[in-house]
Amino acid sequence: MPINDIGNPISALSQREREVLAHVGAGHTYVRISRCMNLSVHTIDTYLRRIRSKTGVTNRAELVSLALQLKPCDSGRGANAQFGTGTS
């Protein structure tokens, strides 16, 4: 893992945590995130607890604010692939 950017809590997150965070920023529920990522709701909850622990975020509003700081490449995949909004 690269050295974290000072003052940038997103740099402490794994790629998968960033992907979950991007879903939160898009307004998705835990259930929707779990369906989009083919993971259990429990796993999504675990990722979000890790994100909160690493960033010091304490509530969903702060999570969304943090998610809005993500650059398009920070979430790992394009928005269409990530959120299932692309055309097939």
PDB file of N, CA and C in Angstrom:
ATOM      1  N   MET A   1       0.850  -1.185   0.000  1.00  0.00           N
ATOM      2  CA  MET A   1       0.000   0.000   0.000  1.00  0.00           C
ATOM      3  C   MET A   1       0.889   1.241   0.000  1.00  0.00           C
ATOM      4  N   PRO A   2       0.562   2.240  -0.819  1.00  0.00           N
ATOM      5  CA  PRO A   2       1.380   3.452  -0.864  1.00  0.00           C
ATOM      6  C   PRO A   2       1.273   4.236   0.437  1.00  0.00           C
ATOM      7  N   ILE A   3       2.258   5.058   0.661  1.00  0.00           N
ATOM      8  CA  ILE A   3       2.233   5.922   1.837  1.00  0.00           C
ATOM      9  C   ILE A   3       1.034   6.848   1.735  1.00  0.00           C
ATOM     10  N   ASN A   4       0.303   6.999   2.838  1.00  0.00           N
ATOM     11  CA  ASN A   4      -0.899   7.833   2.857  1.00  0.00           C
ATOM     12  C   ASN A   4      -0.549   9.306   2.697  1.00  0.00           C
ATOM     13  N   ASP A   5      -1.392  10.006   1.965  1.00  0.00           N
ATOM     14  CA  ASP A   5      -1.248  11.448   1.836  1.00  0.00           C
ATOM     15  C   ASP A   5      -1.642  12.082   3.165  1.00  0.00           C
ATOM     16  N   ILE A   6      -0.824  12.980   3.650  1.00  0.00           N
ATOM     17  CA  ILE A   6      -1.136  13.675   4.888  1.00  0.00           C
ATOM     18  C   ILE A   6      -2.420  14.474   4.689  1.00  0.00           C
ATOM     19  N   GLY A   7      -3.366  14.323   5.599  1.00  0.00           N
ATOM     20  CA  GLY A   7      -4.609  15.078   5.525  1.00  0.00           C
ATOM     21  C   GLY A   7      -5.628  14.521   4.549  1.00  0.00           C
ATOM     22  N   ASN A   8      -5.347  13.380   3.922  1.00  0.00           N
ATOM     23  CA  ASN A   8      -6.288  12.786   2.985  1.00  0.00           C
ATOM     24  C   ASN A   8      -6.704  11.415   3.501  1.00  0.00           C
ATOM     25  N   PRO A   9      -7.819  11.340   4.250  1.00  0.00           N
ATOM     26  CA  PRO A   9      -8.225  10.059   4.830  1.00  0.00           C
ATOM     27  C   PRO A   9      -8.579   9.012   3.789  1.00  0.00           C
ATOM     28  N   ILE A  10      -8.953   9.428   2.594  1.00  0.00           N
ATOM     29  CA  ILE A  10      -9.315   8.472   1.545  1.00  0.00           C
ATOM     30  C   ILE A  10      -8.102   7.639   1.141  1.00  0.00           C
ATOM     31  N   SER A  11      -6.921   8.199   1.241  1.00  0.00           N
ATOM     32  CA  SER A  11      -5.714   7.467   0.844  1.00  0.00           C
ATOM     33  C   SER A  11      -5.454   6.267   1.746  1.00  0.00           C
ATOM     34  N   ALA A  12      -6.057   6.232   2.933  1.00  0.00           N
ATOM     35  CA  ALA A  12      -5.880   5.110   3.855  1.00  0.00           C
ATOM     36  C   ALA A  12      -6.786   3.935   3.504  1.00  0.00           C
ATOM     37  N   LEU A  13      -7.724   4.148   2.596  1.00  0.00           N
ATOM     38  CA  LEU A  13      -8.715   3.119   2.282  1.00  0.00           C
ATOM     39  C   LEU A  13      -8.230   2.169   1.199  1.00  0.00           C
ATOM     40  N   SER A  14      -8.672   0.913   1.321  1.00  0.00           N
ATOM     41  CA  SER A  14      -8.393  -0.063   0.269  1.00  0.00           C
ATOM     42  C   SER A  14      -9.258   0.257  -0.947  1.00  0.00           C
ATOM     43  N   GLN A  15      -8.937  -0.356  -2.065  1.00  0.00           N
ATOM     44  CA  GLN A  15      -9.715  -0.131  -3.279  1.00  0.00           C
ATOM     45  C   GLN A  15     -11.171  -0.539  -3.076  1.00  0.00           C
ATOM     46  N   ARG A  16     -11.399  -1.663  -2.399  1.00  0.00           N
ATOM     47  CA  ARG A  16     -12.762  -2.152  -2.161  1.00  0.00           C
ATOM     48  C   ARG A  16     -13.518  -1.206  -1.233  1.00  0.00           C
ATOM     49  N   GLU A  17     -12.839  -0.672  -0.229  1.00  0.00           N
ATOM     50  CA  GLU A  17     -13.473   0.302   0.669  1.00  0.00           C
ATOM     51  C   GLU A  17     -13.860   1.559  -0.096  1.00  0.00           C
ATOM     52  N   ARG A  18     -13.029   1.973  -1.024  1.00  0.00           N
ATOM     53  CA  ARG A  18     -13.348   3.143  -1.850  1.00  0.00           C
ATOM     54  C   ARG A  18     -14.561   2.867  -2.728  1.00  0.00           C
ATOM     55  N   GLU A  19     -14.660   1.655  -3.216  1.00  0.00           N
ATOM     56  CA  GLU A  19     -15.806   1.284  -4.041  1.00  0.00           C
ATOM     57  C   GLU A  19     -17.101   1.347  -3.229  1.00  0.00           C
ATOM     58  N   VAL A  20     -17.063   0.813  -2.014  1.00  0.00           N
ATOM     59  CA  VAL A  20     -18.229   0.884  -1.128  1.00  0.00           C
ATOM     60  C   VAL A  20     -18.558   2.341  -0.828  1.00  0.00           C
ATOM     61  N   LEU A  21     -17.549   3.130  -0.532  1.00  0.00           N
ATOM     62  CA  LEU A  21     -17.756   4.544  -0.234  1.00  0.00           C
ATOM     63  C   LEU A  21     -18.389   5.280  -1.413  1.00  0.00           C
ATOM     64  N   ALA A  22     -17.979   4.942  -2.622  1.00  0.00           N
ATOM     65  CA  ALA A  22     -18.576   5.567  -3.809  1.00  0.00           C
ATOM     66  C   ALA A  22     -20.063   5.239  -3.909  1.00  0.00           C
ATOM     67  N   HIS A  23     -20.428   4.019  -3.565  1.00  0.00           N
ATOM     68  CA  HIS A  23     -21.848   3.648  -3.555  1.00  0.00           C
ATOM     69  C   HIS A  23     -22.617   4.474  -2.526  1.00  0.00           C
ATOM     70  N   VAL A  24     -22.019   4.671  -1.357  1.00  0.00           N
ATOM     71  CA  VAL A  24     -22.653   5.494  -0.327  1.00  0.00           C
ATOM     72  C   VAL A  24     -22.857   6.909  -0.855  1.00  0.00           C
ATOM     73  N   GLY A  25     -21.849   7.424  -1.526  1.00  0.00           N
ATOM     74  CA  GLY A  25     -21.940   8.767  -2.104  1.00  0.00           C
ATOM     75  C   GLY A  25     -23.026   8.886  -3.157  1.00  0.00           C
ATOM     76  N   ALA A  26     -23.347   7.764  -3.802  1.00  0.00           N
ATOM     77  CA  ALA A  26     -24.409   7.750  -4.807  1.00  0.00           C
ATOM     78  C   ALA A  26     -25.790   7.579  -4.164  1.00  0.00           C
ATOM     79  N   GLY A  27     -25.810   7.470  -2.829  1.00  0.00           N
ATOM     80  CA  GLY A  27     -27.088   7.379  -2.123  1.00  0.00           C
ATOM     81  C   GLY A  27     -27.633   5.970  -1.997  1.00  0.00           C
ATOM     82  N   HIS A  28     -26.816   4.971  -2.264  1.00  0.00           N
ATOM     83  CA  HIS A  28     -27.290   3.593  -2.199  1.00  0.00           C
ATOM     84  C   HIS A  28     -27.402   3.097  -0.761  1.00  0.00           C
ATOM     85  N   THR A  29     -28.378   2.239  -0.517  1.00  0.00           N
ATOM     86  CA  THR A  29     -28.556   1.601   0.780  1.00  0.00           C
ATOM     87  C   THR A  29     -27.579   0.437   0.898  1.00  0.00           C
ATOM     88  N   TYR A  30     -27.440  -0.097   2.122  1.00  0.00           N
ATOM     89  CA  TYR A  30     -26.580  -1.258   2.329  1.00  0.00           C
ATOM     90  C   TYR A  30     -27.032  -2.413   1.443  1.00  0.00           C
ATOM     91  N   VAL A  31     -28.350  -2.613   1.340  1.00  0.00           N
ATOM     92  CA  VAL A  31     -28.883  -3.715   0.540  1.00  0.00           C
ATOM     93  C   VAL A  31     -28.531  -3.522  -0.932  1.00  0.00           C
ATOM     94  N   ARG A  32     -28.704  -2.322  -1.429  1.00  0.00           N
ATOM     95  CA  ARG A  32     -28.390  -2.063  -2.847  1.00  0.00           C
ATOM     96  C   ARG A  32     -26.899  -2.232  -3.115  1.00  0.00           C
ATOM     97  N   ILE A  33     -26.069  -1.729  -2.198  1.00  0.00           N
ATOM     98  CA  ILE A  33     -24.623  -1.881  -2.358  1.00  0.00           C
ATOM     99  C   ILE A  33     -24.269  -3.364  -2.387  1.00  0.00           C
ATOM    100  N   SER A  34     -24.857  -4.133  -1.473  1.00  0.00           N
ATOM    101  CA  SER A  34     -24.540  -5.568  -1.423  1.00  0.00           C
ATOM    102  C   SER A  34     -24.951  -6.265  -2.713  1.00  0.00           C
ATOM    103  N   ARG A  35     -26.077  -5.890  -3.269  1.00  0.00           N
ATOM    104  CA  ARG A  35     -26.518  -6.494  -4.535  1.00  0.00           C
ATOM    105  C   ARG A  35     -25.599  -6.103  -5.682  1.00  0.00           C
ATOM    106  N   CYS A  36     -25.237  -4.835  -5.756  1.00  0.00           N
ATOM    107  CA  CYS A  36     -24.373  -4.355  -6.840  1.00  0.00           C
ATOM    108  C   CYS A  36     -22.988  -5.008  -6.793  1.00  0.00           C
ATOM    109  N   MET A  37     -22.498  -5.249  -5.589  1.00  0.00           N
ATOM    110  CA  MET A  37     -21.151  -5.778  -5.432  1.00  0.00           C
ATOM    111  C   MET A  37     -21.135  -7.292  -5.222  1.00  0.00           C
ATOM    112  N   ASN A  38     -22.314  -7.911  -5.220  1.00  0.00           N
ATOM    113  CA  ASN A  38     -22.426  -9.352  -4.982  1.00  0.00           C
ATOM    114  C   ASN A  38     -21.783  -9.774  -3.668  1.00  0.00           C
ATOM    115  N   LEU A  39     -22.076  -9.017  -2.628  1.00  0.00           N
ATOM    116  CA  LEU A  39     -21.582  -9.288  -1.283  1.00  0.00           C
ATOM    117  C   LEU A  39     -22.762  -9.295  -0.323  1.00  0.00           C
ATOM    118  N   SER A  40     -22.559  -9.843   0.860  1.00  0.00           N
ATOM    119  CA  SER A  40     -23.628  -9.829   1.858  1.00  0.00           C
ATOM    120  C   SER A  40     -23.727  -8.446   2.499  1.00  0.00           C
ATOM    121  N   VAL A  41     -24.877  -8.159   3.058  1.00  0.00           N
ATOM    122  CA  VAL A  41     -25.073  -6.894   3.773  1.00  0.00           C
ATOM    123  C   VAL A  41     -24.096  -6.819   4.940  1.00  0.00           C
ATOM    124  N   HIS A  42     -23.846  -7.960   5.571  1.00  0.00           N
ATOM    125  CA  HIS A  42     -22.889  -7.997   6.686  1.00  0.00           C
ATOM    126  C   HIS A  42     -21.494  -7.556   6.224  1.00  0.00           C
ATOM    127  N   THR A  43     -21.081  -7.996   5.049  1.00  0.00           N
ATOM    128  CA  THR A  43     -19.772  -7.613   4.510  1.00  0.00           C
ATOM    129  C   THR A  43     -19.721  -6.118   4.227  1.00  0.00           C
ATOM    130  N   ILE A  44     -20.798  -5.571   3.690  1.00  0.00           N
ATOM    131  CA  ILE A  44     -20.869  -4.121   3.440  1.00  0.00           C
ATOM    132  C   ILE A  44     -20.759  -3.369   4.755  1.00  0.00           C
ATOM    133  N   ASP A  45     -21.467  -3.853   5.784  1.00  0.00           N
ATOM    134  CA  ASP A  45     -21.390  -3.230   7.104  1.00  0.00           C
ATOM    135  C   ASP A  45     -19.949  -3.269   7.633  1.00  0.00           C
ATOM    136  N   THR A  46     -19.269  -4.381   7.420  1.00  0.00           N
ATOM    137  CA  THR A  46     -17.873  -4.500   7.852  1.00  0.00           C
ATOM    138  C   THR A  46     -16.989  -3.488   7.129  1.00  0.00           C
ATOM    139  N   TYR A  47     -17.158  -3.370   5.817  1.00  0.00           N
ATOM    140  CA  TYR A  47     -16.391  -2.369   5.068  1.00  0.00           C
ATOM    141  C   TYR A  47     -16.658  -0.967   5.603  1.00  0.00           C
ATOM    142  N   LEU A  48     -17.910  -0.654   5.868  1.00  0.00           N
ATOM    143  CA  LEU A  48     -18.246   0.691   6.344  1.00  0.00           C
ATOM    144  C   LEU A  48     -17.693   0.938   7.751  1.00  0.00           C
ATOM    145  N   ARG A  49     -17.671  -0.073   8.603  1.00  0.00           N
ATOM    146  CA  ARG A  49     -17.048   0.083   9.921  1.00  0.00           C
ATOM    147  C   ARG A  49     -15.558   0.345   9.775  1.00  0.00           C
ATOM    148  N   ARG A  50     -14.908  -0.346   8.843  1.00  0.00           N
ATOM    149  CA  ARG A  50     -13.478  -0.112   8.601  1.00  0.00           C
ATOM    150  C   ARG A  50     -13.232   1.291   8.078  1.00  0.00           C
ATOM    151  N   ILE A  51     -14.095   1.735   7.174  1.00  0.00           N
ATOM    152  CA  ILE A  51     -13.967   3.098   6.629  1.00  0.00           C
ATOM    153  C   ILE A  51     -14.100   4.115   7.755  1.00  0.00           C
ATOM    154  N   ARG A  52     -15.101   3.936   8.609  1.00  0.00           N
ATOM    155  CA  ARG A  52     -15.292   4.861   9.735  1.00  0.00           C
ATOM    156  C   ARG A  52     -14.078   4.856  10.659  1.00  0.00           C
ATOM    157  N   SER A  53     -13.551   3.680  10.924  1.00  0.00           N
ATOM    158  CA  SER A  53     -12.392   3.560  11.809  1.00  0.00           C
ATOM    159  C   SER A  53     -11.162   4.251  11.225  1.00  0.00           C
ATOM    160  N   LYS A  54     -10.916   4.050   9.948  1.00  0.00           N
ATOM    161  CA  LYS A  54      -9.728   4.617   9.293  1.00  0.00           C
ATOM    162  C   LYS A  54      -9.822   6.123   9.099  1.00  0.00           C
ATOM    163  N   THR A  55     -11.049   6.633   8.934  1.00  0.00           N
ATOM    164  CA  THR A  55     -11.207   8.055   8.591  1.00  0.00           C
ATOM    165  C   THR A  55     -11.696   8.918   9.752  1.00  0.00           C
ATOM    166  N   GLY A  56     -12.213   8.297  10.801  1.00  0.00           N
ATOM    167  CA  GLY A  56     -12.749   9.058  11.922  1.00  0.00           C
ATOM    168  C   GLY A  56     -14.161   9.561  11.691  1.00  0.00           C
ATOM    169  N   VAL A  57     -14.782   9.122  10.609  1.00  0.00           N
ATOM    170  CA  VAL A  57     -16.155   9.504  10.293  1.00  0.00           C
ATOM    171  C   VAL A  57     -17.095   8.840  11.305  1.00  0.00           C
ATOM    172  N   THR A  58     -18.136   9.573  11.742  1.00  0.00           N
ATOM    173  CA  THR A  58     -19.012   9.023  12.778  1.00  0.00           C
ATOM    174  C   THR A  58     -20.461   8.822  12.345  1.00  0.00           C
ATOM    175  N   ASN A  59     -20.864   9.361  11.194  1.00  0.00           N
ATOM    176  CA  ASN A  59     -22.261   9.179  10.774  1.00  0.00           C
ATOM    177  C   ASN A  59     -22.353   9.147   9.248  1.00  0.00           C
ATOM    178  N   ARG A  60     -23.545   8.815   8.764  1.00  0.00           N
ATOM    179  CA  ARG A  60     -23.741   8.658   7.316  1.00  0.00           C
ATOM    180  C   ARG A  60     -23.535   9.975   6.559  1.00  0.00           C
ATOM    181  N   ALA A  61     -23.931  11.085   7.146  1.00  0.00           N
ATOM    182  CA  ALA A  61     -23.734  12.375   6.479  1.00  0.00           C
ATOM    183  C   ALA A  61     -22.244  12.639   6.236  1.00  0.00           C
ATOM    184  N   GLU A  62     -21.420  12.318   7.222  1.00  0.00           N
ATOM    185  CA  GLU A  62     -19.979  12.485   7.045  1.00  0.00           C
ATOM    186  C   GLU A  62     -19.436  11.496   6.012  1.00  0.00           C
ATOM    187  N   LEU A  63     -20.007  10.281   5.979  1.00  0.00           N
ATOM    188  CA  LEU A  63     -19.605   9.300   4.965  1.00  0.00           C
ATOM    189  C   LEU A  63     -19.880   9.833   3.565  1.00  0.00           C
ATOM    190  N   VAL A  64     -21.061  10.407   3.374  1.00  0.00           N
ATOM    191  CA  VAL A  64     -21.433  10.954   2.068  1.00  0.00           C
ATOM    192  C   VAL A  64     -20.501  12.103   1.707  1.00  0.00           C
ATOM    193  N   SER A  65     -20.221  12.965   2.667  1.00  0.00           N
ATOM    194  CA  SER A  65     -19.302  14.077   2.421  1.00  0.00           C
ATOM    195  C   SER A  65     -17.925  13.566   2.009  1.00  0.00           C
ATOM    196  N   LEU A  66     -17.452  12.532   2.676  1.00  0.00           N
ATOM    197  CA  LEU A  66     -16.173  11.930   2.328  1.00  0.00           C
ATOM    198  C   LEU A  66     -16.234  11.316   0.930  1.00  0.00           C
ATOM    199  N   ALA A  67     -17.336  10.639   0.640  1.00  0.00           N
ATOM    200  CA  ALA A  67     -17.504  10.000  -0.671  1.00  0.00           C
ATOM    201  C   ALA A  67     -17.471  11.025  -1.795  1.00  0.00           C
ATOM    202  N   LEU A  68     -18.000  12.200  -1.553  1.00  0.00           N
ATOM    203  CA  LEU A  68     -18.029  13.233  -2.582  1.00  0.00           C
ATOM    204  C   LEU A  68     -16.632  13.779  -2.883  1.00  0.00           C
ATOM    205  N   GLN A  69     -15.671  13.462  -2.011  1.00  0.00           N
ATOM    206  CA  GLN A  69     -14.286  13.874  -2.249  1.00  0.00           C
ATOM    207  C   GLN A  69     -13.547  12.895  -3.153  1.00  0.00           C
ATOM    208  N   LEU A  70     -14.160  11.733  -3.410  1.00  0.00           N
ATOM    209  CA  LEU A  70     -13.526  10.740  -4.278  1.00  0.00           C
ATOM    210  C   LEU A  70     -13.367  11.279  -5.688  1.00  0.00           C
ATOM    211  N   LYS A  71     -12.228  11.022  -6.270  1.00  0.00           N
ATOM    212  CA  LYS A  71     -12.029  11.310  -7.682  1.00  0.00           C
ATOM    213  C   LYS A  71     -12.599  10.129  -8.447  1.00  0.00           C
ATOM    214  N   PRO A  72     -12.990  10.309  -9.713  1.00  0.00           N
ATOM    215  CA  PRO A  72     -13.551   9.193 -10.476  1.00  0.00           C
ATOM    216  C   PRO A  72     -12.675   7.942 -10.472  1.00  0.00           C
ATOM    217  N   CYS A  73     -11.378   8.090 -10.508  1.00  0.00           N
ATOM    218  CA  CYS A  73     -10.499   6.919 -10.536  1.00  0.00           C
ATOM    219  C   CYS A  73     -10.300   6.316  -9.153  1.00  0.00           C
ATOM    220  N   ASP A  74     -10.670   7.023  -8.078  1.00  0.00           N
ATOM    221  CA  ASP A  74     -10.480   6.523  -6.722  1.00  0.00           C
ATOM    222  C   ASP A  74     -11.373   5.339  -6.392  1.00  0.00           C
ATOM    223  N   SER A  75     -12.509   5.220  -7.055  1.00  0.00           N
ATOM    224  CA  SER A  75     -13.446   4.161  -6.702  1.00  0.00           C
ATOM    225  C   SER A  75     -13.119   2.835  -7.373  1.00  0.00           C
ATOM    226  N   GLY A  76     -12.155   2.814  -8.254  1.00  0.00           N
ATOM    227  CA  GLY A  76     -11.691   1.560  -8.822  1.00  0.00           C
ATOM    228  C   GLY A  76     -12.226   1.241 -10.195  1.00  0.00           C
ATOM    229  N   ARG A  77     -13.486   1.531 -10.452  1.00  0.00           N
ATOM    230  CA  ARG A  77     -14.089   1.252 -11.755  1.00  0.00           C
ATOM    231  C   ARG A  77     -14.914   2.456 -12.155  1.00  0.00           C
ATOM    232  N   GLY A  78     -15.271   2.498 -13.411  1.00  0.00           N
ATOM    233  CA  GLY A  78     -16.128   3.578 -13.887  1.00  0.00           C
ATOM    234  C   GLY A  78     -17.491   3.513 -13.227  1.00  0.00           C
ATOM    235  N   ALA A  79     -18.178   4.619 -13.168  1.00  0.00           N
ATOM    236  CA  ALA A  79     -19.482   4.672 -12.497  1.00  0.00           C
ATOM    237  C   ALA A  79     -20.484   3.723 -13.128  1.00  0.00           C
ATOM    238  N   ASN A  80     -20.481   3.602 -14.436  1.00  0.00           N
ATOM    239  CA  ASN A  80     -21.453   2.724 -15.080  1.00  0.00           C
ATOM    240  C   ASN A  80     -21.248   1.273 -14.679  1.00  0.00           C
ATOM    241  N   ALA A  81     -20.024   0.802 -14.675  1.00  0.00           N
ATOM    242  CA  ALA A  81     -19.746  -0.578 -14.281  1.00  0.00           C
ATOM    243  C   ALA A  81     -20.009  -0.765 -12.801  1.00  0.00           C
ATOM    244  N   GLN A  82     -19.628   0.228 -12.025  1.00  0.00           N
ATOM    245  CA  GLN A  82     -19.724   0.108 -10.590  1.00  0.00           C
ATOM    246  C   GLN A  82     -21.147   0.101 -10.090  1.00  0.00           C
ATOM    247  N   PHE A  83     -21.987   0.905 -10.650  1.00  0.00           N
ATOM    248  CA  PHE A  83     -23.318   1.049 -10.126  1.00  0.00           C
ATOM    249  C   PHE A  83     -24.383   0.358 -10.969  1.00  0.00           C
ATOM    250  N   GLY A  84     -23.959  -0.374 -11.958  1.00  0.00           N
ATOM    251  CA  GLY A  84     -24.914  -1.114 -12.760  1.00  0.00           C
ATOM    252  C   GLY A  84     -25.830  -0.248 -13.602  1.00  0.00           C
ATOM    253  N   THR A  85     -25.343   0.941 -13.976  1.00  0.00           N
ATOM    254  CA  THR A  85     -26.171   1.848 -14.760  1.00  0.00           C
ATOM    255  C   THR A  85     -25.790   1.861 -16.225  1.00  0.00           C
ATOM    256  N   GLY A  86     -24.782   1.084 -16.565  1.00  0.00           N
ATOM    257  CA  GLY A  86     -24.346   1.042 -17.956  1.00  0.00           C
ATOM    258  C   GLY A  86     -25.276   0.199 -18.795  1.00  0.00           C
ATOM    259  N   THR A  87     -25.131   0.318 -20.071  1.00  0.00           N
ATOM    260  CA  THR A  87     -25.945  -0.486 -20.972  1.00  0.00           C
ATOM    261  C   THR A  87     -25.175  -1.734 -21.353  1.00  0.00           C
ATOM    262  N   SER A  88     -25.892  -2.829 -21.535  1.00  0.00           N
ATOM    263  CA  SER A  88     -25.245  -4.077 -21.902  1.00  0.00           C
ATOM    264  C   SER A  88     -25.674  -4.512 -23.269  1.00  0.00           C
TER     265      SER A  88
END
